[in-house]
Amino acid sequence: MPNFIIDCSQDVIQQVAPDKIMNSVYEAAEETGLFAPNDIKVRIQAFQYYKLAESKKDFIHIFGYIMEGRTTEQKANLSKQIIIKLAVLFPDISFLSISINDFETATYCNKSLINPDNTNHNRHFEL
């Protein structure tokens, strides 16, 4: 946790290397201090086929999924910091946006939580 999924037009990853884009998102998330660095996950998915408004060429939208418990202000700052970093890489992009969504602690499960030795129900157990 958290997960940042970058959807973008194919041309975006031809302008800037995918690793550089993902590193910018990772670094911005890490710099907020909201997450342990080894918890942050970023991936990118480029689309060859998409439809935008006339005269609009490219897009990037990041879907951020984080564990509930952060304030609205913290989530707003996270969004802003990520967009600031990407705006430097893509000053002319038509659409650059992000949305942050919360995971519910009660419904979240991972491999650590099902480990029978994890008696404290620590989602980071043995990571």
Protein backbone atom coordinates (compact mmCIF):
# COMPACT_ATOMS: atom_id res chain seq x y z
CA MET A 1 0.00 0.00 0.00
CA PRO A 2 -0.36 2.55 -1.57
CA ASN A 3 -0.87 1.74 -5.24
CA PHE A 4 -0.58 4.34 -7.98
CA ILE A 5 -1.80 3.23 -11.39
CA ILE A 6 -0.91 5.58 -14.20
CA ASP A 7 -3.16 5.46 -17.25
CA CYS A 8 -1.85 7.43 -20.20
CA SER A 9 -1.91 7.80 -23.95
CA GLN A 10 0.76 5.86 -25.86
CA ASP A 11 2.54 9.05 -26.93
CA VAL A 12 3.25 9.94 -23.31
CA ILE A 13 5.72 7.06 -22.85
CA GLN A 14 7.37 7.99 -26.14
CA GLN A 15 8.00 11.51 -24.83
CA VAL A 16 9.33 10.48 -21.41
CA ALA A 17 10.59 7.04 -20.39
CA PRO A 18 8.09 5.04 -18.30
CA ASP A 19 10.67 4.60 -15.51
CA LYS A 20 11.10 8.37 -15.24
CA ILE A 21 7.32 8.89 -15.04
CA MET A 22 6.90 6.16 -12.41
CA ASN A 23 9.88 7.45 -10.40
CA SER A 24 8.36 10.94 -10.33
CA VAL A 25 5.11 9.58 -8.89
CA TYR A 26 6.99 7.35 -6.42
CA GLU A 27 9.22 10.20 -5.23
CA ALA A 28 6.31 12.61 -4.80
CA ALA A 29 4.39 10.03 -2.75
CA GLU A 30 7.47 9.24 -0.64
CA GLU A 31 8.22 12.92 -0.02
CA THR A 32 4.79 13.46 1.57
CA GLY A 33 5.88 11.25 4.49
CA LEU A 34 2.50 9.46 4.47
CA PHE A 35 3.91 6.06 3.50
CA ALA A 36 6.83 3.77 4.21
CA PRO A 37 9.01 3.82 1.07
CA ASN A 38 8.93 0.03 0.71
CA ASP A 39 5.10 0.12 0.66
CA ILE A 40 4.70 2.40 -2.38
CA LYS A 41 3.82 0.67 -5.64
CA VAL A 42 3.59 2.42 -9.02
CA ARG A 43 2.71 0.98 -12.41
CA ILE A 44 1.91 2.45 -15.79
CA GLN A 45 -0.48 1.42 -18.52
CA ALA A 46 -0.30 3.16 -21.91
CA PHE A 47 -3.28 3.11 -24.23
CA GLN A 48 -2.94 2.96 -27.98
CA TYR A 49 -6.66 3.55 -28.54
CA TYR A 50 -8.57 6.32 -26.79
CA LYS A 51 -10.85 9.26 -27.57
CA LEU A 52 -10.32 12.81 -26.32
CA ALA A 53 -12.03 16.08 -27.14
CA GLU A 54 -11.17 17.65 -30.47
CA SER A 55 -7.73 19.28 -30.51
CA LYS A 56 -6.68 17.40 -27.35
CA LYS A 57 -3.79 15.01 -27.89
CA ASP A 58 -2.55 13.25 -24.77
CA PHE A 59 -3.61 12.39 -21.24
CA ILE A 60 -2.32 11.08 -17.94
CA HIS A 61 -4.61 10.07 -15.10
CA ILE A 62 -3.30 8.49 -11.91
CA PHE A 63 -5.56 6.32 -9.79
CA GLY A 64 -4.22 6.35 -6.24
CA TYR A 65 -5.41 3.71 -3.79
CA ILE A 66 -4.36 4.21 -0.19
CA MET A 67 -5.34 2.73 3.19
CA GLU A 68 -8.06 4.75 4.91
CA GLY A 69 -7.09 7.01 7.79
CA ARG A 70 -5.50 9.99 6.03
CA THR A 71 -7.17 13.36 6.26
CA THR A 72 -8.69 15.13 3.28
CA GLU A 73 -5.89 17.69 3.54
CA GLN A 74 -3.22 14.95 3.42
CA LYS A 75 -4.85 13.36 0.38
CA ALA A 76 -5.21 16.73 -1.35
CA ASN A 77 -1.54 17.49 -0.73
CA LEU A 78 -0.55 14.05 -2.05
CA SER A 79 -2.52 14.71 -5.25
CA LYS A 80 -1.04 18.17 -5.64
CA GLN A 81 2.57 17.03 -5.12
CA ILE A 82 2.24 14.27 -7.73
CA ILE A 83 0.69 16.62 -10.29
CA ILE A 84 3.38 19.26 -9.63
CA LYS A 85 6.13 16.71 -10.40
CA LEU A 86 4.42 15.45 -13.55
CA ALA A 87 3.59 18.95 -14.81
CA VAL A 88 7.33 19.63 -14.97
CA LEU A 89 7.81 16.56 -17.19
CA PHE A 90 4.73 17.31 -19.32
CA PRO A 91 4.15 21.08 -19.53
CA ASP A 92 2.05 20.78 -22.72
CA ILE A 93 -0.12 17.76 -21.93
CA SER A 94 -3.86 18.23 -22.53
CA PHE A 95 -5.15 16.29 -19.50
CA LEU A 96 -3.12 15.65 -16.33
CA SER A 97 -5.10 14.48 -13.32
CA ILE A 98 -5.22 12.22 -10.27
CA SER A 99 -7.86 10.76 -7.97
CA ILE A 100 -7.22 9.26 -4.54
CA ASN A 101 -9.41 6.45 -3.23
CA ASP A 102 -9.35 4.79 0.20
CA PHE A 103 -9.09 1.09 0.90
CA GLU A 104 -11.27 0.04 3.85
CA THR A 105 -9.17 -1.59 6.55
CA ALA A 106 -12.06 -3.96 7.37
CA THR A 107 -12.23 -5.39 3.84
CA TYR A 108 -8.53 -5.30 2.92
CA CYS A 109 -6.55 -8.55 2.88
CA ASN A 110 -3.05 -9.50 1.79
CA LYS A 111 -0.75 -12.50 2.15
CA SER A 112 0.63 -11.28 5.49
CA LEU A 113 -2.85 -11.10 7.04
CA ILE A 114 -3.59 -14.77 6.32
CA ASN A 115 -0.31 -16.04 7.76
CA PRO A 116 -1.22 -18.15 10.83
CA ASP A 117 1.86 -16.84 12.67
CA ASN A 118 0.62 -13.26 12.32
CA THR A 119 -1.30 -13.11 15.59
CA ASN A 120 -1.28 -9.28 15.68
CA HIS A 121 -2.92 -8.99 12.22
CA ASN A 122 -0.08 -6.78 10.97
CA ARG A 123 -0.48 -6.25 7.21
CA HIS A 124 3.33 -5.81 6.96
CA PHE A 125 4.12 -9.11 8.74
CA GLU A 126 7.30 -10.75 7.33
CA LEU A 127 7.71 -8.21 4.51
